[in-house]
Amino acid sequence: MKDILFGDELLKTLEALSNPYRIKIIGILKQERQYVSQLARMLSISRPLLYLHLQKLEDAGLIKGQHEISDSGKAMKYYELISFNIPLNEELVAKAADSITIKNRKD
């Protein structure tokens, strides 16, 4: 299980979870791994849009994808959930504040 405890990682994770489709994807993958076309049908969204959401979750380390070849020879990409734990409370946020990288904005 992945523990998410520090600033930049916490922000990346919370950002990845800040979309209703990505929350639904986590819920689906908690039940069982799925391939992209099936996930798109379950969510009633296009595959290109789904890939954007999957990439955000994968970049945050919450899911992982892998290519497999079906019995019919078709390449399929499956995604599965990486178990994680976020004990979100004021203590974690205060600790995270010390390790956050603040990027300067260019005007």
PDB file of N, CA and C in Angstrom:
ATOM      1  N   MET A   1       0.846  -1.173   0.000  1.00  0.00           N
ATOM      2  CA  MET A   1       0.000   0.000   0.000  1.00  0.00           C
ATOM      3  C   MET A   1       0.892   1.236   0.000  1.00  0.00           C
ATOM      4  N   LYS A   2       0.536   2.178  -0.827  1.00  0.00           N
ATOM      5  CA  LYS A   2       1.283   3.413  -0.955  1.00  0.00           C
ATOM      6  C   LYS A   2       0.743   4.426   0.061  1.00  0.00           C
ATOM      7  N   ASP A   3       1.626   4.911   0.948  1.00  0.00           N
ATOM      8  CA  ASP A   3       1.250   5.983   1.872  1.00  0.00           C
ATOM      9  C   ASP A   3       1.655   7.304   1.257  1.00  0.00           C
ATOM     10  N   ILE A   4       0.718   8.237   1.208  1.00  0.00           N
ATOM     11  CA  ILE A   4       0.954   9.540   0.601  1.00  0.00           C
ATOM     12  C   ILE A   4       1.064  10.550   1.734  1.00  0.00           C
ATOM     13  N   LEU A   5       2.299  10.989   2.012  1.00  0.00           N
ATOM     14  CA  LEU A   5       2.531  11.766   3.221  1.00  0.00           C
ATOM     15  C   LEU A   5       3.175  13.131   3.010  1.00  0.00           C
ATOM     16  N   PHE A   6       3.792  13.380   1.885  1.00  0.00           N
ATOM     17  CA  PHE A   6       4.584  14.594   1.773  1.00  0.00           C
ATOM     18  C   PHE A   6       4.061  15.546   0.704  1.00  0.00           C
ATOM     19  N   GLY A   7       4.357  16.822   0.901  1.00  0.00           N
ATOM     20  CA  GLY A   7       3.882  17.962   0.151  1.00  0.00           C
ATOM     21  C   GLY A   7       3.553  17.791  -1.312  1.00  0.00           C
ATOM     22  N   ASP A   8       4.578  17.742  -2.162  1.00  0.00           N
ATOM     23  CA  ASP A   8       4.335  17.721  -3.602  1.00  0.00           C
ATOM     24  C   ASP A   8       3.568  16.467  -4.027  1.00  0.00           C
ATOM     25  N   GLU A   9       3.883  15.341  -3.407  1.00  0.00           N
ATOM     26  CA  GLU A   9       3.173  14.101  -3.729  1.00  0.00           C
ATOM     27  C   GLU A   9       1.704  14.195  -3.303  1.00  0.00           C
ATOM     28  N   LEU A  10       1.471  14.780  -2.139  1.00  0.00           N
ATOM     29  CA  LEU A  10       0.101  14.959  -1.663  1.00  0.00           C
ATOM     30  C   LEU A  10      -0.685  15.856  -2.611  1.00  0.00           C
ATOM     31  N   LEU A  11      -0.077  16.967  -3.030  1.00  0.00           N
ATOM     32  CA  LEU A  11      -0.758  17.867  -3.970  1.00  0.00           C
ATOM     33  C   LEU A  11      -1.083  17.175  -5.288  1.00  0.00           C
ATOM     34  N   LYS A  12      -0.121  16.430  -5.804  1.00  0.00           N
ATOM     35  CA  LYS A  12      -0.328  15.714  -7.071  1.00  0.00           C
ATOM     36  C   LYS A  12      -1.467  14.703  -6.936  1.00  0.00           C
ATOM     37  N   THR A  13      -1.502  14.012  -5.814  1.00  0.00           N
ATOM     38  CA  THR A  13      -2.545  13.015  -5.573  1.00  0.00           C
ATOM     39  C   THR A  13      -3.914  13.671  -5.435  1.00  0.00           C
ATOM     40  N   LEU A  14      -3.984  14.718  -4.644  1.00  0.00           N
ATOM     41  CA  LEU A  14      -5.269  15.399  -4.458  1.00  0.00           C
ATOM     42  C   LEU A  14      -5.764  16.021  -5.758  1.00  0.00           C
ATOM     43  N   GLU A  15      -4.840  16.550  -6.553  1.00  0.00           N
ATOM     44  CA  GLU A  15      -5.225  17.095  -7.859  1.00  0.00           C
ATOM     45  C   GLU A  15      -5.782  15.991  -8.761  1.00  0.00           C
ATOM     46  N   ALA A  16      -5.129  14.830  -8.739  1.00  0.00           N
ATOM     47  CA  ALA A  16      -5.597  13.708  -9.555  1.00  0.00           C
ATOM     48  C   ALA A  16      -6.985  13.253  -9.118  1.00  0.00           C
ATOM     49  N   LEU A  17      -7.284  13.379  -7.843  1.00  0.00           N
ATOM     50  CA  LEU A  17      -8.582  12.936  -7.322  1.00  0.00           C
ATOM     51  C   LEU A  17      -9.645  14.024  -7.374  1.00  0.00           C
ATOM     52  N   SER A  18      -9.307  15.187  -7.915  1.00  0.00           N
ATOM     53  CA  SER A  18     -10.230  16.327  -7.874  1.00  0.00           C
ATOM     54  C   SER A  18     -11.201  16.387  -9.054  1.00  0.00           C
ATOM     55  N   ASN A  19     -11.460  15.265  -9.669  1.00  0.00           N
ATOM     56  CA  ASN A  19     -12.367  15.224 -10.808  1.00  0.00           C
ATOM     57  C   ASN A  19     -13.330  14.049 -10.628  1.00  0.00           C
ATOM     58  N   PRO A  20     -14.630  14.263 -10.864  1.00  0.00           N
ATOM     59  CA  PRO A  20     -15.594  13.178 -10.645  1.00  0.00           C
ATOM     60  C   PRO A  20     -15.344  11.941 -11.509  1.00  0.00           C
ATOM     61  N   TYR A  21     -14.869  12.117 -12.737  1.00  0.00           N
ATOM     62  CA  TYR A  21     -14.580  10.944 -13.574  1.00  0.00           C
ATOM     63  C   TYR A  21     -13.428  10.139 -12.990  1.00  0.00           C
ATOM     64  N   ARG A  22     -12.418  10.824 -12.470  1.00  0.00           N
ATOM     65  CA  ARG A  22     -11.275  10.108 -11.908  1.00  0.00           C
ATOM     66  C   ARG A  22     -11.672   9.379 -10.622  1.00  0.00           C
ATOM     67  N   ILE A  23     -12.566   9.960  -9.847  1.00  0.00           N
ATOM     68  CA  ILE A  23     -13.089   9.262  -8.665  1.00  0.00           C
ATOM     69  C   ILE A  23     -13.854   8.013  -9.102  1.00  0.00           C
ATOM     70  N   LYS A  24     -14.652   8.137 -10.160  1.00  0.00           N
ATOM     71  CA  LYS A  24     -15.398   6.976 -10.664  1.00  0.00           C
ATOM     72  C   LYS A  24     -14.444   5.897 -11.181  1.00  0.00           C
ATOM     73  N   ILE A  25     -13.376   6.306 -11.846  1.00  0.00           N
ATOM     74  CA  ILE A  25     -12.386   5.348 -12.342  1.00  0.00           C
ATOM     75  C   ILE A  25     -11.776   4.576 -11.173  1.00  0.00           C
ATOM     76  N   ILE A  26     -11.422   5.285 -10.102  1.00  0.00           N
ATOM     77  CA  ILE A  26     -10.876   4.628  -8.907  1.00  0.00           C
ATOM     78  C   ILE A  26     -11.893   3.618  -8.373  1.00  0.00           C
ATOM     79  N   GLY A  27     -13.170   4.017  -8.310  1.00  0.00           N
ATOM     80  CA  GLY A  27     -14.213   3.116  -7.821  1.00  0.00           C
ATOM     81  C   GLY A  27     -14.348   1.859  -8.667  1.00  0.00           C
ATOM     82  N   ILE A  28     -14.285   2.018  -9.974  1.00  0.00           N
ATOM     83  CA  ILE A  28     -14.391   0.868 -10.882  1.00  0.00           C
ATOM     84  C   ILE A  28     -13.180  -0.051 -10.731  1.00  0.00           C
ATOM     85  N   LEU A  29     -11.992   0.555 -10.710  1.00  0.00           N
ATOM     86  CA  LEU A  29     -10.772  -0.248 -10.634  1.00  0.00           C
ATOM     87  C   LEU A  29     -10.598  -0.889  -9.260  1.00  0.00           C
ATOM     88  N   LYS A  30     -11.248  -0.364  -8.242  1.00  0.00           N
ATOM     89  CA  LYS A  30     -11.220  -0.996  -6.920  1.00  0.00           C
ATOM     90  C   LYS A  30     -11.897  -2.370  -6.993  1.00  0.00           C
ATOM     91  N   GLN A  31     -12.912  -2.489  -7.850  1.00  0.00           N
ATOM     92  CA  GLN A  31     -13.630  -3.757  -8.004  1.00  0.00           C
ATOM     93  C   GLN A  31     -12.810  -4.769  -8.793  1.00  0.00           C
ATOM     94  N   GLU A  32     -12.261  -4.324  -9.931  1.00  0.00           N
ATOM     95  CA  GLU A  32     -11.423  -5.195 -10.764  1.00  0.00           C
ATOM     96  C   GLU A  32     -10.751  -4.370 -11.847  1.00  0.00           C
ATOM     97  N   ARG A  33      -9.645  -4.889 -12.360  1.00  0.00           N
ATOM     98  CA  ARG A  33      -8.950  -4.181 -13.439  1.00  0.00           C
ATOM     99  C   ARG A  33      -9.837  -4.158 -14.679  1.00  0.00           C
ATOM    100  N   GLN A  34      -9.640  -3.167 -15.522  1.00  0.00           N
ATOM    101  CA  GLN A  34     -10.459  -3.018 -16.720  1.00  0.00           C
ATOM    102  C   GLN A  34      -9.583  -2.579 -17.883  1.00  0.00           C
ATOM    103  N   TYR A  35     -10.043  -2.882 -19.084  1.00  0.00           N
ATOM    104  CA  TYR A  35      -9.354  -2.371 -20.259  1.00  0.00           C
ATOM    105  C   TYR A  35     -10.037  -1.092 -20.713  1.00  0.00           C
ATOM    106  N   VAL A  36      -9.304  -0.305 -21.487  1.00  0.00           N
ATOM    107  CA  VAL A  36      -9.703   1.060 -21.816  1.00  0.00           C
ATOM    108  C   VAL A  36     -11.084   1.140 -22.448  1.00  0.00           C
ATOM    109  N   SER A  37     -11.362   0.328 -23.438  1.00  0.00           N
ATOM    110  CA  SER A  37     -12.662   0.415 -24.124  1.00  0.00           C
ATOM    111  C   SER A  37     -13.816   0.146 -23.158  1.00  0.00           C
ATOM    112  N   GLN A  38     -13.640  -0.819 -22.283  1.00  0.00           N
ATOM    113  CA  GLN A  38     -14.684  -1.130 -21.308  1.00  0.00           C
ATOM    114  C   GLN A  38     -14.879   0.031 -20.330  1.00  0.00           C
ATOM    115  N   LEU A  39     -13.784   0.610 -19.858  1.00  0.00           N
ATOM    116  CA  LEU A  39     -13.880   1.769 -18.957  1.00  0.00           C
ATOM    117  C   LEU A  39     -14.615   2.920 -19.636  1.00  0.00           C
ATOM    118  N   ALA A  40     -14.286   3.181 -20.902  1.00  0.00           N
ATOM    119  CA  ALA A  40     -14.938   4.271 -21.634  1.00  0.00           C
ATOM    120  C   ALA A  40     -16.441   4.022 -21.732  1.00  0.00           C
ATOM    121  N   ARG A  41     -16.838   2.789 -22.005  1.00  0.00           N
ATOM    122  CA  ARG A  41     -18.273   2.464 -22.070  1.00  0.00           C
ATOM    123  C   ARG A  41     -18.932   2.626 -20.705  1.00  0.00           C
ATOM    124  N   MET A  42     -18.268   2.167 -19.662  1.00  0.00           N
ATOM    125  CA  MET A  42     -18.839   2.255 -18.316  1.00  0.00           C
ATOM    126  C   MET A  42     -19.047   3.709 -17.884  1.00  0.00           C
ATOM    127  N   LEU A  43     -18.149   4.589 -18.325  1.00  0.00           N
ATOM    128  CA  LEU A  43     -18.222   6.003 -17.948  1.00  0.00           C
ATOM    129  C   LEU A  43     -18.959   6.857 -18.978  1.00  0.00           C
ATOM    130  N   SER A  44     -19.280   6.262 -20.122  1.00  0.00           N
ATOM    131  CA  SER A  44     -19.938   6.985 -21.227  1.00  0.00           C
ATOM    132  C   SER A  44     -19.135   8.211 -21.670  1.00  0.00           C
ATOM    133  N   ILE A  45     -17.829   8.015 -21.824  1.00  0.00           N
ATOM    134  CA  ILE A  45     -16.968   9.082 -22.347  1.00  0.00           C
ATOM    135  C   ILE A  45     -16.094   8.507 -23.457  1.00  0.00           C
ATOM    136  N   SER A  46     -15.522   9.399 -24.258  1.00  0.00           N
ATOM    137  CA  SER A  46     -14.669   8.956 -25.363  1.00  0.00           C
ATOM    138  C   SER A  46     -13.349   8.408 -24.823  1.00  0.00           C
ATOM    139  N   ARG A  47     -12.723   7.565 -25.606  1.00  0.00           N
ATOM    140  CA  ARG A  47     -11.435   7.022 -25.191  1.00  0.00           C
ATOM    141  C   ARG A  47     -10.366   8.106 -25.074  1.00  0.00           C
ATOM    142  N   PRO A  48     -10.307   9.082 -26.021  1.00  0.00           N
ATOM    143  CA  PRO A  48      -9.296  10.148 -25.833  1.00  0.00           C
ATOM    144  C   PRO A  48      -9.468  10.907 -24.504  1.00  0.00           C
ATOM    145  N   LEU A  49     -10.708  11.208 -24.136  1.00  0.00           N
ATOM    146  CA  LEU A  49     -10.946  11.890 -22.865  1.00  0.00           C
ATOM    147  C   LEU A  49     -10.574  10.971 -21.697  1.00  0.00           C
ATOM    148  N   LEU A  50     -10.925   9.711 -21.801  1.00  0.00           N
ATOM    149  CA  LEU A  50     -10.578   8.747 -20.757  1.00  0.00           C
ATOM    150  C   LEU A  50      -9.068   8.672 -20.574  1.00  0.00           C
ATOM    151  N   TYR A  51      -8.315   8.637 -21.683  1.00  0.00           N
ATOM    152  CA  TYR A  51      -6.860   8.566 -21.586  1.00  0.00           C
ATOM    153  C   TYR A  51      -6.285   9.757 -20.820  1.00  0.00           C
ATOM    154  N   LEU A  52      -6.863  10.949 -20.977  1.00  0.00           N
ATOM    155  CA  LEU A  52      -6.402  12.114 -20.215  1.00  0.00           C
ATOM    156  C   LEU A  52      -6.571  11.877 -18.717  1.00  0.00           C
ATOM    157  N   HIS A  53      -7.718  11.337 -18.332  1.00  0.00           N
ATOM    158  CA  HIS A  53      -7.972  11.053 -16.920  1.00  0.00           C
ATOM    159  C   HIS A  53      -7.065   9.940 -16.409  1.00  0.00           C
ATOM    160  N   LEU A  54      -6.891   8.893 -17.198  1.00  0.00           N
ATOM    161  CA  LEU A  54      -6.029   7.785 -16.802  1.00  0.00           C
ATOM    162  C   LEU A  54      -4.582   8.250 -16.626  1.00  0.00           C
ATOM    163  N   GLN A  55      -4.124   9.118 -17.517  1.00  0.00           N
ATOM    164  CA  GLN A  55      -2.754   9.625 -17.434  1.00  0.00           C
ATOM    165  C   GLN A  55      -2.539  10.406 -16.144  1.00  0.00           C
ATOM    166  N   LYS A  56      -3.515  11.216 -15.776  1.00  0.00           N
ATOM    167  CA  LYS A  56      -3.429  12.003 -14.537  1.00  0.00           C
ATOM    168  C   LYS A  56      -3.333  11.070 -13.322  1.00  0.00           C
ATOM    169  N   LEU A  57      -4.147  10.034 -13.300  1.00  0.00           N
ATOM    170  CA  LEU A  57      -4.122   9.075 -12.192  1.00  0.00           C
ATOM    171  C   LEU A  57      -2.827   8.266 -12.180  1.00  0.00           C
ATOM    172  N   GLU A  58      -2.346   7.910 -13.368  1.00  0.00           N
ATOM    173  CA  GLU A  58      -1.108   7.139 -13.458  1.00  0.00           C
ATOM    174  C   GLU A  58       0.087   7.990 -13.032  1.00  0.00           C
ATOM    175  N   ASP A  59       0.113   9.255 -13.444  1.00  0.00           N
ATOM    176  CA  ASP A  59       1.193  10.157 -13.053  1.00  0.00           C
ATOM    177  C   ASP A  59       1.256  10.339 -11.537  1.00  0.00           C
ATOM    178  N   ALA A  60       0.100  10.279 -10.893  1.00  0.00           N
ATOM    179  CA  ALA A  60       0.043  10.413  -9.432  1.00  0.00           C
ATOM    180  C   ALA A  60       0.355   9.097  -8.720  1.00  0.00           C
ATOM    181  N   GLY A  61       0.559   8.025  -9.486  1.00  0.00           N
ATOM    182  CA  GLY A  61       0.899   6.735  -8.893  1.00  0.00           C
ATOM    183  C   GLY A  61      -0.278   6.007  -8.268  1.00  0.00           C
ATOM    184  N   LEU A  62      -1.495   6.335  -8.717  1.00  0.00           N
ATOM    185  CA  LEU A  62      -2.693   5.720  -8.149  1.00  0.00           C
ATOM    186  C   LEU A  62      -3.165   4.505  -8.945  1.00  0.00           C
ATOM    187  N   ILE A  63      -2.810   4.460 -10.215  1.00  0.00           N
ATOM    188  CA  ILE A  63      -3.161   3.322 -11.070  1.00  0.00           C
ATOM    189  C   ILE A  63      -1.947   2.965 -11.920  1.00  0.00           C
ATOM    190  N   LYS A  64      -1.990   1.773 -12.513  1.00  0.00           N
ATOM    191  CA  LYS A  64      -0.943   1.403 -13.473  1.00  0.00           C
ATOM    192  C   LYS A  64      -1.595   0.680 -14.637  1.00  0.00           C
ATOM    193  N   GLY A  65      -1.016   0.879 -15.795  1.00  0.00           N
ATOM    194  CA  GLY A  65      -1.535   0.241 -17.005  1.00  0.00           C
ATOM    195  C   GLY A  65      -0.512  -0.707 -17.592  1.00  0.00           C
ATOM    196  N   GLN A  66      -1.033  -1.720 -18.284  1.00  0.00           N
ATOM    197  CA  GLN A  66      -0.151  -2.654 -18.980  1.00  0.00           C
ATOM    198  C   GLN A  66      -0.854  -3.196 -20.213  1.00  0.00           C
ATOM    199  N   HIS A  67      -0.066  -3.383 -21.258  1.00  0.00           N
ATOM    200  CA  HIS A  67      -0.594  -3.938 -22.500  1.00  0.00           C
ATOM    201  C   HIS A  67      -0.612  -5.456 -22.420  1.00  0.00           C
ATOM    202  N   GLU A  68      -1.676  -6.023 -22.959  1.00  0.00           N
ATOM    203  CA  GLU A  68      -1.796  -7.474 -23.055  1.00  0.00           C
ATOM    204  C   GLU A  68      -2.386  -7.811 -24.419  1.00  0.00           C
ATOM    205  N   ILE A  69      -2.137  -9.017 -24.869  1.00  0.00           N
ATOM    206  CA  ILE A  69      -2.692  -9.499 -26.127  1.00  0.00           C
ATOM    207  C   ILE A  69      -3.837 -10.452 -25.801  1.00  0.00           C
ATOM    208  N   SER A  70      -5.001 -10.170 -26.374  1.00  0.00           N
ATOM    209  CA  SER A  70      -6.165 -11.030 -26.121  1.00  0.00           C
ATOM    210  C   SER A  70      -6.020 -12.345 -26.874  1.00  0.00           C
ATOM    211  N   ASP A  71      -6.918 -13.271 -26.597  1.00  0.00           N
ATOM    212  CA  ASP A  71      -6.902 -14.570 -27.278  1.00  0.00           C
ATOM    213  C   ASP A  71      -7.062 -14.410 -28.787  1.00  0.00           C
ATOM    214  N   SER A  72      -7.751 -13.343 -29.198  1.00  0.00           N
ATOM    215  CA  SER A  72      -7.964 -13.110 -30.627  1.00  0.00           C
ATOM    216  C   SER A  72      -6.794 -12.364 -31.273  1.00  0.00           C
ATOM    217  N   GLY A  73      -5.764 -12.029 -30.470  1.00  0.00           N
ATOM    218  CA  GLY A  73      -4.592 -11.350 -31.013  1.00  0.00           C
ATOM    219  C   GLY A  73      -4.663  -9.837 -30.949  1.00  0.00           C
ATOM    220  N   LYS A  74      -5.712  -9.309 -30.359  1.00  0.00           N
ATOM    221  CA  LYS A  74      -5.898  -7.863 -30.268  1.00  0.00           C
ATOM    222  C   LYS A  74      -5.124  -7.320 -29.064  1.00  0.00           C
ATOM    223  N   ALA A  75      -4.391  -6.205 -29.268  1.00  0.00           N
ATOM    224  CA  ALA A  75      -3.679  -5.552 -28.166  1.00  0.00           C
ATOM    225  C   ALA A  75      -4.675  -4.766 -27.331  1.00  0.00           C
ATOM    226  N   MET A  76      -4.613  -4.967 -26.026  1.00  0.00           N
ATOM    227  CA  MET A  76      -5.538  -4.293 -25.110  1.00  0.00           C
ATOM    228  C   MET A  76      -4.730  -3.722 -23.956  1.00  0.00           C
ATOM    229  N   LYS A  77      -5.095  -2.516 -23.521  1.00  0.00           N
ATOM    230  CA  LYS A  77      -4.421  -1.926 -22.370  1.00  0.00           C
ATOM    231  C   LYS A  77      -5.341  -2.020 -21.164  1.00  0.00           C
ATOM    232  N   TYR A  78      -4.860  -2.701 -20.153  1.00  0.00           N
ATOM    233  CA  TYR A  78      -5.594  -2.867 -18.901  1.00  0.00           C
ATOM    234  C   TYR A  78      -5.040  -1.916 -17.852  1.00  0.00           C
ATOM    235  N   TYR A  79      -5.927  -1.425 -17.001  1.00  0.00           N
ATOM    236  CA  TYR A  79      -5.527  -0.590 -15.873  1.00  0.00           C
ATOM    237  C   TYR A  79      -5.983  -1.237 -14.588  1.00  0.00           C
ATOM    238  N   GLU A  80      -5.164  -1.065 -13.556  1.00  0.00           N
ATOM    239  CA  GLU A  80      -5.540  -1.567 -12.242  1.00  0.00           C
ATOM    240  C   GLU A  80      -5.153  -0.538 -11.187  1.00  0.00           C
ATOM    241  N   LEU A  81      -5.834  -0.616 -10.070  1.00  0.00           N
ATOM    242  CA  LEU A  81      -5.631   0.296  -8.962  1.00  0.00           C
ATOM    243  C   LEU A  81      -4.393  -0.105  -8.172  1.00  0.00           C
ATOM    244  N   ILE A  82      -3.616   0.896  -7.759  1.00  0.00           N
ATOM    245  CA  ILE A  82      -2.528   0.692  -6.814  1.00  0.00           C
ATOM    246  C   ILE A  82      -3.089   1.127  -5.457  1.00  0.00           C
ATOM    247  N   SER A  83      -3.096   0.220  -4.522  1.00  0.00           N
ATOM    248  CA  SER A  83      -3.657   0.519  -3.209  1.00  0.00           C
ATOM    249  C   SER A  83      -2.938   1.720  -2.591  1.00  0.00           C
ATOM    250  N   PHE A  84      -3.697   2.637  -1.999  1.00  0.00           N
ATOM    251  CA  PHE A  84      -3.094   3.830  -1.402  1.00  0.00           C
ATOM    252  C   PHE A  84      -3.825   4.210  -0.129  1.00  0.00           C
ATOM    253  N   ASN A  85      -3.157   5.042   0.668  1.00  0.00           N
ATOM    254  CA  ASN A  85      -3.702   5.494   1.938  1.00  0.00           C
ATOM    255  C   ASN A  85      -3.379   6.974   2.106  1.00  0.00           C
ATOM    256  N   ILE A  86      -4.399   7.789   2.320  1.00  0.00           N
ATOM    257  CA  ILE A  86      -4.209   9.212   2.561  1.00  0.00           C
ATOM    258  C   ILE A  86      -4.912   9.565   3.875  1.00  0.00           C
ATOM    259  N   PRO A  87      -4.161   9.612   4.973  1.00  0.00           N
ATOM    260  CA  PRO A  87      -4.764   9.960   6.259  1.00  0.00           C
ATOM    261  C   PRO A  87      -4.911  11.480   6.358  1.00  0.00           C
ATOM    262  N   LEU A  88      -5.843  12.044   5.633  1.00  0.00           N
ATOM    263  CA  LEU A  88      -5.956  13.495   5.485  1.00  0.00           C
ATOM    264  C   LEU A  88      -6.524  14.130   6.751  1.00  0.00           C
ATOM    265  N   ASN A  89      -5.693  14.916   7.393  1.00  0.00           N
ATOM    266  CA  ASN A  89      -6.104  15.674   8.571  1.00  0.00           C
ATOM    267  C   ASN A  89      -5.182  16.883   8.698  1.00  0.00           C
ATOM    268  N   GLU A  90      -5.430  17.717   9.695  1.00  0.00           N
ATOM    269  CA  GLU A  90      -4.638  18.949   9.828  1.00  0.00           C
ATOM    270  C   GLU A  90      -3.156  18.664  10.101  1.00  0.00           C
ATOM    271  N   GLU A  91      -2.852  17.563  10.758  1.00  0.00           N
ATOM    272  CA  GLU A  91      -1.458  17.224  11.031  1.00  0.00           C
ATOM    273  C   GLU A  91      -0.714  16.897   9.735  1.00  0.00           C
ATOM    274  N   LEU A  92      -1.336  16.113   8.866  1.00  0.00           N
ATOM    275  CA  LEU A  92      -0.708  15.782   7.582  1.00  0.00           C
ATOM    276  C   LEU A  92      -0.518  17.033   6.740  1.00  0.00           C
ATOM    277  N   VAL A  93      -1.523  17.885   6.708  1.00  0.00           N
ATOM    278  CA  VAL A  93      -1.426  19.109   5.908  1.00  0.00           C
ATOM    279  C   VAL A  93      -0.311  20.007   6.448  1.00  0.00           C
ATOM    280  N   ALA A  94      -0.208  20.125   7.748  1.00  0.00           N
ATOM    281  CA  ALA A  94       0.858  20.945   8.349  1.00  0.00           C
ATOM    282  C   ALA A  94       2.236  20.376   8.015  1.00  0.00           C
ATOM    283  N   LYS A  95       2.391  19.046   8.076  1.00  0.00           N
ATOM    284  CA  LYS A  95       3.656  18.409   7.707  1.00  0.00           C
ATOM    285  C   LYS A  95       3.957  18.637   6.226  1.00  0.00           C
ATOM    286  N   ALA A  96       2.933  18.484   5.411  1.00  0.00           N
ATOM    287  CA  ALA A  96       3.110  18.651   3.963  1.00  0.00           C
ATOM    288  C   ALA A  96       3.531  20.067   3.615  1.00  0.00           C
ATOM    289  N   ALA A  97       3.057  21.029   4.376  1.00  0.00           N
ATOM    290  CA  ALA A  97       3.372  22.434   4.099  1.00  0.00           C
ATOM    291  C   ALA A  97       4.879  22.683   4.112  1.00  0.00           C
ATOM    292  N   ASP A  98       5.603  21.951   4.938  1.00  0.00           N
ATOM    293  CA  ASP A  98       7.059  22.122   5.031  1.00  0.00           C
ATOM    294  C   ASP A  98       7.800  21.573   3.824  1.00  0.00           C
ATOM    295  N   SER A  99       7.163  20.696   3.058  1.00  0.00           N
ATOM    296  CA  SER A  99       7.863  20.067   1.932  1.00  0.00           C
ATOM    297  C   SER A  99       7.249  20.392   0.576  1.00  0.00           C
ATOM    298  N   ILE A 100       6.468  21.449   0.515  1.00  0.00           N
ATOM    299  CA  ILE A 100       5.832  21.862  -0.745  1.00  0.00           C
ATOM    300  C   ILE A 100       6.802  22.721  -1.559  1.00  0.00           C
ATOM    301  N   THR A 101       6.870  22.459  -2.837  1.00  0.00           N
ATOM    302  CA  THR A 101       7.652  23.282  -3.747  1.00  0.00           C
ATOM    303  C   THR A 101       6.719  24.319  -4.365  1.00  0.00           C
ATOM    304  N   ILE A 102       7.040  25.568  -4.133  1.00  0.00           N
ATOM    305  CA  ILE A 102       6.248  26.668  -4.718  1.00  0.00           C
ATOM    306  C   ILE A 102       6.997  27.173  -5.941  1.00  0.00           C
ATOM    307  N   LYS A 103       6.329  27.081  -7.069  1.00  0.00           N
ATOM    308  CA  LYS A 103       6.943  27.501  -8.326  1.00  0.00           C
ATOM    309  C   LYS A 103       6.627  28.972  -8.569  1.00  0.00           C
ATOM    310  N   ASN A 104       7.619  29.707  -9.021  1.00  0.00           N
ATOM    311  CA  ASN A 104       7.402  31.124  -9.347  1.00  0.00           C
ATOM    312  C   ASN A 104       6.622  31.226 -10.638  1.00  0.00           C
ATOM    313  N   ARG A 105       5.635  32.091 -10.632  1.00  0.00           N
ATOM    314  CA  ARG A 105       4.860  32.349 -11.848  1.00  0.00           C
ATOM    315  C   ARG A 105       5.565  33.367 -12.701  1.00  0.00           C
ATOM    316  N   LYS A 106       5.559  33.114 -13.974  1.00  0.00           N
ATOM    317  CA  LYS A 106       6.148  34.091 -14.903  1.00  0.00           C
ATOM    318  C   LYS A 106       5.025  34.981 -15.412  1.00  0.00           C
ATOM    319  N   ASP A 107       5.230  36.275 -15.322  1.00  0.00           N
ATOM    320  CA  ASP A 107       4.195  37.232 -15.771  1.00  0.00           C
ATOM    321  C   ASP A 107       4.337  37.548 -17.221  1.00  0.00           C
TER     322      ASP A 107
END
